Structures are given as structure tokens and as C-alpha cells.
Amino acid sequence: MPKLFIPANPDRLSKVFWGCYFERSVKRHFQRCLVTGEEHLQPTLVRDSSAPYPTIIVCTHGSWWDAAVTIVMSLRTYNLDAYGLMEHRQLAKYRFFSRIGMFSVIRENARSALSSLQYAASLLRGSDRILWMFPQGTLISQETAIIECEAGIAILAKMLGTVRIVPLALRYEVLRNKKPTCWAAFGEPLLIDWTPASTIAQVTGKVSHALTILSTNVRNDAINENDASYRSFI
């Protein structure tokens, strides 16, 4: 691994402490947090070491709050055995994140980024672990109409051979309350089975399209206050 690489080093007590910490923080700052599409997490929520293929949850990234909300989902709402990539600069500054499953990536350095993806593949291969990814690579306004993912998600899919990719769209709206509401929606999983005909561009496009459609649907639900299919998880 690269010299600057920071591996994940999770432990149960850290997950409990920081899960509670971020849950309290989200509760203080949000009116409520809503989620729909939880059925698409199955069989992710069923712990089974003989899981047929690994799962990656790919999430839109339009706010600083995305990290806090997904940590709450992972550690408190669904109690996942999960890992995630984090910019090296930020993880070096906030090392406690490695104790809840984060490991570093330097996106600007192709060799380092590839090593981080290889590390992710080694964590997922042959296990029922989950990987969280923000495949856009950086914060981009939630009003962006077209989600464009970087190639990392497809490269990781190629490394794994077969992978289940679950899209998640997040959105934040302030309408009738002083505090914002978080809207979260899981979408239909993409089962990527890499073949000789598969390409990086093809898989990246599939993930980008899935997140674009899901993000548009969540935007419409939030603007129209259509929460009939959602439940509160905060």
C-alpha cells in the first residue's frame, strides 16, 4: 500500500460511541429524516458469511451532511458491517473515522487511488461486508440534474467480478419548519456481473443513470411533500 495510506481499523466501542454521537447531532439539526426503498437493502440486512456477492451502496453527494446521515444509517439504523472511503487529508485530520471503518484515498494520485480500490476489494471479496461510496468523487450541488460518477466504482466492480450495487439518493429541504428535512431513497439494486464485453464506461454509465433517476424522484417527492411511502428513521 502507498506510504500515506490509512487503513480501516474498526472496533465495536468506537462504532457505538460515534454512532450515538452522529445520531444526536442529526437529531439536533434536522426536523426529521425520512427514508424509502428499504426493501432494496435486502439481502444486505441479513448477516450471512456465505453471501453470494459483495454489496456497495453508492450515494449522491450534495451536502456535508451526507457523511453524518450515512454513518447514522450504517451504525444505528441498519447496524451494518460497513466500510467507506475518505479523502486522505480529512482522514488524517480526523483519525477517529478509521475506527468506524473508513480508509483513505488520494483521488488525485492514480496509483494511490487504485491501491485504495484494491484494498476495498480485499475487504469485500468473499464476505457479507458493505462498502459505502460517493462515486461522484466530490461534493456537487444537489440541484445538479445529471449525476456523473467517476470511474472508481466500475474499476472496483471489475476487480470483484460480481457485485450488487445499491443506489441511494439524499436530499435536504427547508419548507414548513425552521429545521430542514432529510429525504433518503434507496433504489433498485444493480447486479454487475463483469464479462469480457463489459467496459468501465458502460458500468459507470449504469450507476450514473441509476443515481440520476433516483435523485430526480427524491427531488420531486421533497418539493411536493410526498412522504406517503417514507418512514422516519430520525
Protein backbone atom coordinates (compact mmCIF):
# COMPACT_ATOMS: atom_id res chain seq x y z
CA MET A 1 0.00 0.00 0.00
CA PRO A 2 1.10 3.63 -0.50
CA LYS A 3 3.10 5.16 2.31
CA LEU A 4 0.35 7.67 3.12
CA PHE A 5 -2.45 5.10 3.15
CA ILE A 6 -4.58 4.93 6.31
CA PRO A 7 -6.33 1.55 6.67
CA ALA A 8 -9.65 0.92 8.36
CA ASN A 9 -9.30 -0.26 11.94
CA PRO A 10 -12.86 -0.54 13.27
CA ASP A 11 -13.77 -1.58 16.77
CA ARG A 12 -17.13 -2.11 18.43
CA LEU A 13 -16.84 0.59 21.11
CA SER A 14 -15.90 3.27 18.59
CA LYS A 15 -18.84 2.30 16.40
CA VAL A 16 -21.22 2.54 19.35
CA PHE A 17 -19.83 5.89 20.55
CA TRP A 18 -19.63 7.64 17.17
CA GLY A 19 -22.91 6.15 16.00
CA CYS A 20 -24.65 7.70 19.01
CA TYR A 21 -22.70 10.96 18.58
CA PHE A 22 -23.75 11.46 14.96
CA GLU A 23 -27.31 10.36 15.67
CA ARG A 24 -27.62 13.05 18.37
CA SER A 25 -26.10 15.61 16.01
CA VAL A 26 -28.55 14.78 13.21
CA LYS A 27 -31.46 14.89 15.66
CA ARG A 28 -30.43 18.37 16.82
CA HIS A 29 -30.09 19.82 13.34
CA PHE A 30 -32.97 18.18 11.43
CA GLN A 31 -36.73 18.31 11.83
CA ARG A 32 -36.88 14.69 10.69
CA CYS A 33 -35.13 12.20 8.40
CA LEU A 34 -37.23 10.14 6.02
CA VAL A 35 -36.32 7.00 4.09
CA THR A 36 -37.97 4.88 1.42
CA GLY A 37 -36.96 1.86 -0.63
CA GLU A 38 -35.52 -0.06 2.31
CA GLU A 39 -36.65 -3.32 0.71
CA HIS A 40 -33.80 -2.83 -1.78
CA LEU A 41 -31.29 -3.36 1.04
CA GLN A 42 -32.31 -7.00 1.26
CA PRO A 43 -30.47 -9.35 1.49
CA THR A 44 -27.89 -6.84 2.78
CA LEU A 45 -29.59 -6.69 6.17
CA VAL A 46 -29.35 -10.46 6.61
CA ARG A 47 -25.94 -11.31 8.03
CA ASP A 48 -24.64 -14.39 6.24
CA SER A 49 -20.98 -15.17 5.69
CA SER A 50 -21.97 -17.18 2.63
CA ALA A 51 -23.35 -14.10 0.85
CA PRO A 52 -23.10 -14.80 -2.91
CA TYR A 53 -21.56 -11.45 -3.78
CA PRO A 54 -20.48 -8.24 -2.06
CA THR A 55 -22.62 -5.10 -1.80
CA ILE A 56 -21.69 -1.49 -2.46
CA ILE A 57 -24.04 1.35 -1.52
CA VAL A 58 -23.44 4.27 -3.88
CA CYS A 59 -24.73 7.61 -2.67
CA THR A 60 -25.26 11.07 -4.13
CA HIS A 61 -23.04 13.71 -2.54
CA GLY A 62 -24.65 17.12 -2.40
CA SER A 63 -24.03 18.15 1.23
CA TRP A 64 -21.58 17.97 4.11
CA TRP A 65 -24.39 16.21 6.00
CA ASP A 66 -24.22 13.16 3.70
CA ALA A 67 -21.41 11.64 5.77
CA ALA A 68 -23.25 12.11 9.07
CA VAL A 69 -26.54 10.75 7.73
CA THR A 70 -24.95 7.67 6.15
CA ILE A 71 -22.97 6.98 9.34
CA VAL A 72 -26.23 7.05 11.30
CA MET A 73 -27.84 4.73 8.76
CA SER A 74 -24.91 2.36 8.83
CA LEU A 75 -24.23 2.22 12.56
CA ARG A 76 -27.61 2.95 14.13
CA THR A 77 -30.47 2.37 11.69
CA TYR A 78 -29.28 -0.82 9.98
CA ASN A 79 -26.27 -1.93 12.07
CA LEU A 80 -24.17 -2.79 9.02
CA ASP A 81 -20.69 -4.29 8.95
CA ALA A 82 -19.63 -1.45 6.68
CA TYR A 83 -16.56 0.36 5.39
CA GLY A 84 -16.05 3.54 3.43
CA LEU A 85 -13.53 5.61 1.50
CA MET A 86 -12.50 9.03 2.81
CA GLU A 87 -10.16 11.67 1.42
CA HIS A 88 -6.71 11.17 2.93
CA ARG A 89 -6.44 14.79 4.08
CA GLN A 90 -9.67 14.54 6.02
CA LEU A 91 -8.98 11.11 7.50
CA ALA A 92 -5.50 12.22 8.60
CA LYS A 93 -7.14 15.15 10.38
CA TYR A 94 -9.98 13.13 11.90
CA ARG A 95 -8.34 9.76 12.54
CA PHE A 96 -11.25 8.50 14.63
CA PHE A 97 -13.11 7.81 11.38
CA SER A 98 -10.77 4.87 10.76
CA ARG A 99 -12.16 3.34 13.98
CA ILE A 100 -15.61 3.12 12.42
CA GLY A 101 -14.44 1.61 9.13
CA MET A 102 -13.10 4.45 6.99
CA PHE A 103 -9.89 4.12 4.95
CA SER A 104 -8.09 6.71 2.92
CA VAL A 105 -7.96 7.51 -0.77
CA ILE A 106 -5.99 10.15 -2.68
CA ARG A 107 -8.12 10.72 -5.77
CA GLU A 108 -5.55 13.00 -7.42
CA ASN A 109 -2.95 10.23 -7.44
CA ALA A 110 -3.99 7.44 -9.82
CA ARG A 111 -1.65 4.84 -8.32
CA SER A 112 -2.76 5.62 -4.78
CA ALA A 113 -6.44 5.60 -5.77
CA LEU A 114 -6.02 2.22 -7.45
CA SER A 115 -4.37 0.83 -4.31
CA SER A 116 -7.31 2.05 -2.22
CA LEU A 117 -9.73 0.29 -4.58
CA GLN A 118 -7.67 -2.91 -4.33
CA TYR A 119 -7.86 -2.63 -0.54
CA ALA A 120 -11.64 -2.16 -0.78
CA ALA A 121 -11.91 -5.26 -2.98
CA SER A 122 -9.91 -7.29 -0.45
CA LEU A 123 -12.31 -6.24 2.31
CA LEU A 124 -15.40 -7.16 0.32
CA ARG A 125 -14.34 -10.29 -1.51
CA GLY A 126 -15.90 -13.44 -0.03
CA SER A 127 -17.65 -11.58 2.79
CA ASP A 128 -21.01 -10.04 3.69
CA ARG A 129 -19.45 -6.64 4.35
CA ILE A 130 -20.82 -3.43 2.87
CA LEU A 131 -18.90 -0.60 1.24
CA TRP A 132 -20.23 2.96 1.15
CA MET A 133 -19.11 5.07 -1.81
CA PHE A 134 -19.79 8.60 -3.05
CA PRO A 135 -18.98 7.82 -6.71
CA GLN A 136 -19.19 11.45 -7.84
CA GLY A 137 -15.87 11.82 -6.03
CA THR A 138 -16.55 15.23 -4.54
CA LEU A 139 -19.35 17.48 -3.27
CA ILE A 140 -21.64 18.59 -6.09
CA SER A 141 -24.83 20.65 -5.64
CA GLN A 142 -27.95 18.59 -5.03
CA GLU A 143 -29.59 20.68 -7.76
CA THR A 144 -27.31 19.13 -10.40
CA ALA A 145 -29.66 17.48 -12.90
CA ILE A 146 -27.29 14.81 -14.22
CA ILE A 147 -25.22 12.69 -11.83
CA GLU A 148 -21.84 11.86 -13.32
CA CYS A 149 -19.81 9.23 -11.48
CA GLU A 150 -16.07 8.78 -11.66
CA ALA A 151 -14.60 5.52 -12.92
CA GLY A 152 -13.68 4.17 -9.48
CA ILE A 153 -16.97 2.33 -8.95
CA ALA A 154 -16.59 0.48 -12.27
CA ILE A 155 -12.94 -0.36 -11.63
CA LEU A 156 -13.92 -1.83 -8.27
CA ALA A 157 -16.73 -3.82 -9.92
CA LYS A 158 -14.21 -5.24 -12.38
CA MET A 159 -11.91 -6.25 -9.53
CA LEU A 160 -14.74 -8.05 -7.75
CA GLY A 161 -16.19 -9.72 -10.83
CA THR A 162 -19.74 -9.79 -9.49
CA VAL A 163 -21.14 -7.12 -7.22
CA ARG A 164 -24.50 -5.81 -6.05
CA ILE A 165 -24.69 -2.01 -6.23
CA VAL A 166 -27.49 -0.30 -4.29
CA PRO A 167 -28.08 3.37 -5.20
CA LEU A 168 -29.04 5.88 -2.51
CA ALA A 169 -30.15 9.47 -3.12
CA LEU A 170 -30.12 12.07 -0.34
CA ARG A 171 -31.77 15.49 -0.36
CA TYR A 172 -32.30 18.27 2.19
CA GLU A 173 -35.23 20.68 2.12
CA VAL A 174 -36.47 23.51 4.33
CA LEU A 175 -40.16 24.12 3.66
CA ARG A 176 -42.53 24.42 6.61
CA ASN A 177 -40.11 24.14 9.51
CA LYS A 178 -37.14 26.04 10.84
CA LYS A 179 -35.01 22.91 10.58
CA PRO A 180 -34.51 21.00 7.33
CA THR A 181 -35.88 17.58 6.48
CA CYS A 182 -33.60 14.89 5.09
CA TRP A 183 -35.09 12.76 2.32
CA ALA A 184 -33.39 9.44 1.55
CA ALA A 185 -34.33 6.85 -1.05
CA PHE A 186 -32.76 3.50 -1.86
CA GLY A 187 -33.21 2.36 -5.44
CA GLU A 188 -33.38 -0.91 -7.33
CA PRO A 189 -30.03 -2.71 -7.00
CA LEU A 190 -27.76 -3.14 -10.00
CA LEU A 191 -26.24 -6.60 -10.24
CA ILE A 192 -22.98 -6.17 -12.13
CA ASP A 193 -21.56 -9.40 -13.48
CA TRP A 194 -18.33 -8.48 -15.22
CA THR A 195 -17.80 -10.20 -18.56
CA PRO A 196 -15.26 -9.79 -21.39
CA ALA A 197 -17.79 -7.49 -23.06
CA SER A 198 -18.07 -5.20 -20.03
CA THR A 199 -16.38 -1.80 -20.06
CA ILE A 200 -15.53 0.80 -17.44
CA ALA A 201 -17.60 3.41 -19.28
CA GLN A 202 -20.60 1.08 -19.52
CA VAL A 203 -20.72 0.30 -15.80
CA THR A 204 -20.00 3.89 -14.79
CA GLY A 205 -22.85 4.98 -17.04
CA LYS A 206 -25.27 2.50 -15.46
CA VAL A 207 -24.50 3.74 -11.96
CA SER A 208 -24.69 7.39 -13.05
CA HIS A 209 -28.06 6.81 -14.72
CA ALA A 210 -29.49 4.99 -11.69
CA LEU A 211 -28.44 7.80 -9.33
CA THR A 212 -29.75 10.48 -11.72
CA ILE A 213 -33.22 8.89 -11.90
CA LEU A 214 -33.34 8.28 -8.15
CA SER A 215 -32.15 11.80 -7.34
CA THR A 216 -34.84 13.28 -9.60
CA ASN A 217 -37.54 11.19 -7.92
CA VAL A 218 -36.43 12.24 -4.44
CA ARG A 219 -36.34 15.89 -5.52
CA ASN A 220 -39.92 15.64 -6.77
CA ASP A 221 -41.07 13.91 -3.58
CA ALA A 222 -39.42 16.55 -1.39
CA ILE A 223 -40.73 19.53 -3.35
CA ASN A 224 -44.25 18.10 -3.43
CA GLU A 225 -44.07 16.90 0.19
CA ASN A 226 -44.97 13.42 -0.98
CA ASP A 227 -43.94 11.37 2.04
CA ALA A 228 -46.57 8.61 1.84
CA SER A 229 -44.03 5.90 1.04
CA TYR A 230 -41.41 7.16 3.50
CA ARG A 231 -40.83 6.38 7.15
CA SER A 232 -38.98 8.45 9.75
CA PHE A 233 -35.67 7.00 10.89
CA ILE A 234 -34.82 10.14 12.89
